[in-house]
C-alpha atoms as a PDB file:
ATOM      1  CA  VAL A   1      -3.321   6.899  -3.209  1.00  0.00           C
ATOM      2  CA  ASN A   2      -3.614   3.135  -3.458  1.00  0.00           C
ATOM      3  CA  LEU A   3      -1.870   0.960  -0.896  1.00  0.00           C
ATOM      4  CA  PHE A   4      -1.249  -2.200  -2.902  1.00  0.00           C
ATOM      5  CA  ASP A   5      -1.020  -5.478  -0.993  1.00  0.00           C
ATOM      6  CA  PHE A   6      -1.898  -3.736   2.292  1.00  0.00           C
ATOM      7  CA  ASN A   7      -4.691  -5.127   4.441  1.00  0.00           C
ATOM      8  CA  GLN A   8      -4.345  -3.552   7.892  1.00  0.00           C
ATOM      9  CA  ASP A   9      -7.125  -1.540   9.521  1.00  0.00           C
ATOM     10  CA  ILE A  10      -5.897   2.073   9.536  1.00  0.00           C
ATOM     11  CA  TYR A  11      -9.235   3.892   9.621  1.00  0.00           C
ATOM     12  CA  GLY A  12      -9.004   6.922  11.894  1.00  0.00           C
ATOM     13  CA  ARG A  13      -5.193   6.822  11.810  1.00  0.00           C
ATOM     14  CA  THR A  14      -2.905   9.411  10.279  1.00  0.00           C
ATOM     15  CA  VAL A  15      -0.961   8.137   7.276  1.00  0.00           C
ATOM     16  CA  ARG A  16       1.948  10.025   5.748  1.00  0.00           C
ATOM     17  CA  VAL A  17       2.490   9.525   2.025  1.00  0.00           C
ATOM     18  CA  TYR A  18       5.541  10.686   0.084  1.00  0.00           C
ATOM     19  CA  ILE A  19       5.182  11.150  -3.661  1.00  0.00           C
ATOM     20  CA  LYS A  20       8.027   9.492  -5.516  1.00  0.00           C
ATOM     21  CA  LYS A  21       6.761  10.038  -9.050  1.00  0.00           C
ATOM     22  CA  TYR A  22       3.714  11.672 -10.592  1.00  0.00           C
ATOM     23  CA  LEU A  23       2.166   9.106 -12.913  1.00  0.00           C
ATOM     24  CA  ARG A  24      -0.441  10.995 -14.928  1.00  0.00           C
ATOM     25  CA  GLU A  25      -3.236  13.535 -15.068  1.00  0.00           C
ATOM     26  CA  GLU A  26      -6.795  12.589 -14.138  1.00  0.00           C
ATOM     27  CA  ILE A  27      -8.597  10.737 -16.927  1.00  0.00           C
ATOM     28  CA  LYS A  28     -12.321  10.299 -17.578  1.00  0.00           C
ATOM     29  CA  PHE A  29     -12.992   6.771 -18.792  1.00  0.00           C
ATOM     30  CA  ASP A  30     -15.713   5.784 -21.231  1.00  0.00           C
ATOM     31  CA  SER A  31     -16.071   2.272 -19.838  1.00  0.00           C
ATOM     32  CA  LEU A  32     -15.366   0.158 -16.799  1.00  0.00           C
ATOM     33  CA  GLU A  33     -13.034  -1.975 -18.901  1.00  0.00           C
ATOM     34  CA  ALA A  34     -10.916   1.056 -19.829  1.00  0.00           C
ATOM     35  CA  LEU A  35     -10.737   2.085 -16.167  1.00  0.00           C
ATOM     36  CA  VAL A  36      -9.656  -1.385 -15.053  1.00  0.00           C
ATOM     37  CA  LYS A  37      -7.009  -1.531 -17.792  1.00  0.00           C
ATOM     38  CA  GLN A  38      -5.589   1.841 -16.708  1.00  0.00           C
ATOM     39  CA  ILE A  39      -5.569   0.829 -13.034  1.00  0.00           C
ATOM     40  CA  ASP A  40      -3.584  -2.281 -13.981  1.00  0.00           C
ATOM     41  CA  GLN A  41      -1.097  -0.155 -15.943  1.00  0.00           C
ATOM     42  CA  ASP A  42      -0.833   2.370 -13.100  1.00  0.00           C
ATOM     43  CA  LYS A  43      -0.159  -0.412 -10.607  1.00  0.00           C
ATOM     44  CA  LEU A  44       2.607  -1.884 -12.774  1.00  0.00           C
ATOM     45  CA  GLU A  45       4.241   1.530 -13.170  1.00  0.00           C
ATOM     46  CA  SER A  46       3.906   2.267  -9.446  1.00  0.00           C
ATOM     47  CA  MET A  47       5.516  -1.027  -8.476  1.00  0.00           C
ATOM     48  CA  ARG A  48       8.325  -0.438 -10.994  1.00  0.00           C
ATOM     49  CA  VAL A  49       9.082   2.962  -9.434  1.00  0.00           C
ATOM     50  CA  LEU A  50       9.188   1.546  -5.914  1.00  0.00           C
END
């Protein structure tokens, strides 16, 4: 779970997360660039769903 645009200190706290939509299966990336590109796409899709 990524908490986009969240900067509070919640270490040691219980956080409840509700899944609204499953985005994709786990992917193994061949490069850092491919990983960063996918994270950007995942973030856009996540924000669209919310």
